[in-house]
């Protein structure tokens, strides 16, 4: 809803807007991801594909888009797609705390 409103305001004011919609954020091991963030993962994978994005990859994407003054539009940002149960299970073991 917020993005839709932002696009409407940008169009109304003639501003070139950029939005970056990242996949499921994969942070380095020293950063922790809280459980509320993980709750949507199962629903996202129900359609058979689940995309993730490394923190450094999405940071670099923001910088590249910021540095290009002609950037405009909506960008979907991910650098890994999970499309099989084996890889989804492996990711779940990485993300979920032991005993969850």
Protein backbone atom coordinates (compact mmCIF):
# COMPACT_ATOMS: atom_id res chain seq x y z
CA UNK A 1 0.00 0.00 0.00
CA UNK A 2 2.80 2.43 0.87
CA UNK A 3 4.61 1.74 -2.39
CA UNK A 4 1.42 2.24 -4.39
CA UNK A 5 0.88 5.60 -2.66
CA UNK A 6 4.49 6.62 -3.28
CA UNK A 7 4.12 5.83 -7.00
CA UNK A 8 0.92 7.89 -7.20
CA UNK A 9 2.59 10.88 -5.53
CA UNK A 10 5.69 10.56 -7.74
CA UNK A 11 3.58 10.47 -10.91
CA UNK A 12 1.49 13.41 -9.71
CA UNK A 13 4.63 15.49 -9.07
CA UNK A 14 6.57 14.33 -12.13
CA UNK A 15 9.31 12.69 -10.10
CA UNK A 16 11.31 9.73 -11.42
CA UNK A 17 10.88 7.18 -8.68
CA UNK A 18 12.72 3.94 -8.08
CA UNK A 19 11.62 1.12 -5.81
CA UNK A 20 13.72 -1.92 -5.03
CA UNK A 21 11.82 -4.98 -3.88
CA UNK A 22 14.21 -7.53 -2.48
CA UNK A 23 13.78 -11.23 -1.98
CA UNK A 24 14.09 -12.85 1.42
CA UNK A 25 17.08 -11.12 3.04
CA UNK A 26 20.04 -13.34 3.87
CA UNK A 27 22.25 -11.59 6.41
CA UNK A 28 25.80 -12.53 7.38
CA UNK A 29 26.09 -14.96 10.33
CA UNK A 30 26.96 -12.21 12.82
CA UNK A 31 23.58 -10.54 12.21
CA UNK A 32 20.48 -12.23 13.56
CA UNK A 33 17.13 -12.46 11.78
CA UNK A 34 14.15 -12.35 14.11
CA UNK A 35 11.38 -14.97 13.93
CA UNK A 36 8.59 -12.59 12.77
CA UNK A 37 10.60 -12.07 9.59
CA UNK A 38 10.69 -15.83 9.02
CA UNK A 39 6.93 -16.37 9.41
CA UNK A 40 6.16 -15.48 5.78
CA UNK A 41 8.77 -17.81 4.29
CA UNK A 42 6.49 -20.86 4.15
CA UNK A 43 3.73 -18.96 2.37
CA UNK A 44 6.22 -17.51 -0.10
CA UNK A 45 7.46 -21.00 -1.03
CA UNK A 46 3.95 -22.46 -1.50
CA UNK A 47 4.00 -21.50 -5.19
CA UNK A 48 7.17 -23.56 -5.65
CA UNK A 49 9.75 -20.79 -5.96
CA UNK A 50 11.36 -18.79 -3.20
CA UNK A 51 13.91 -16.06 -3.88
CA UNK A 52 16.56 -14.77 -1.52
CA UNK A 53 18.97 -11.88 -1.66
CA UNK A 54 22.31 -11.53 0.03
CA UNK A 55 22.66 -8.35 2.10
CA UNK A 56 25.75 -7.20 0.18
CA UNK A 57 24.02 -7.81 -3.17
CA UNK A 58 21.03 -5.63 -2.29
CA UNK A 59 23.27 -2.91 -0.84
CA UNK A 60 25.27 -2.86 -4.09
CA UNK A 61 22.00 -2.70 -6.04
CA UNK A 62 20.89 0.37 -4.09
CA UNK A 63 24.23 2.06 -4.73
CA UNK A 64 24.17 1.32 -8.48
CA UNK A 65 20.66 2.66 -8.86
CA UNK A 66 21.45 5.74 -6.77
CA UNK A 67 24.53 6.51 -8.87
CA UNK A 68 22.62 6.29 -12.17
CA UNK A 69 20.54 9.47 -12.40
CA UNK A 70 18.44 8.01 -15.23
CA UNK A 71 17.23 5.12 -13.06
CA UNK A 72 13.48 4.78 -12.95
CA UNK A 73 11.03 2.02 -12.21
CA UNK A 74 10.48 -0.98 -10.05
CA UNK A 75 13.33 -3.43 -9.55
CA UNK A 76 12.98 -6.96 -8.21
CA UNK A 77 16.24 -7.84 -6.54
CA UNK A 78 17.38 -11.37 -5.75
CA UNK A 79 20.45 -13.46 -6.39
CA UNK A 80 19.26 -16.96 -5.53
CA UNK A 81 16.10 -18.89 -6.39
CA UNK A 82 15.01 -21.97 -4.46
CA UNK A 83 12.75 -24.23 -6.48
CA UNK A 84 13.12 -27.68 -4.94
CA UNK A 85 12.21 -29.11 -1.54
CA UNK A 86 15.77 -30.24 -0.85
CA UNK A 87 17.11 -26.69 -1.04
CA UNK A 88 14.11 -25.28 0.84
CA UNK A 89 14.72 -27.74 3.68
CA UNK A 90 18.42 -26.87 3.71
CA UNK A 91 17.58 -23.16 3.96
CA UNK A 92 15.09 -23.81 6.78
CA UNK A 93 17.80 -25.59 8.77
CA UNK A 94 20.12 -22.63 8.29
CA UNK A 95 17.54 -20.02 9.30
CA UNK A 96 15.60 -21.66 12.09
CA UNK A 97 17.05 -22.04 15.57
CA UNK A 98 17.75 -25.60 16.78
CA UNK A 99 14.60 -27.33 18.04
CA UNK A 100 12.22 -25.00 16.18
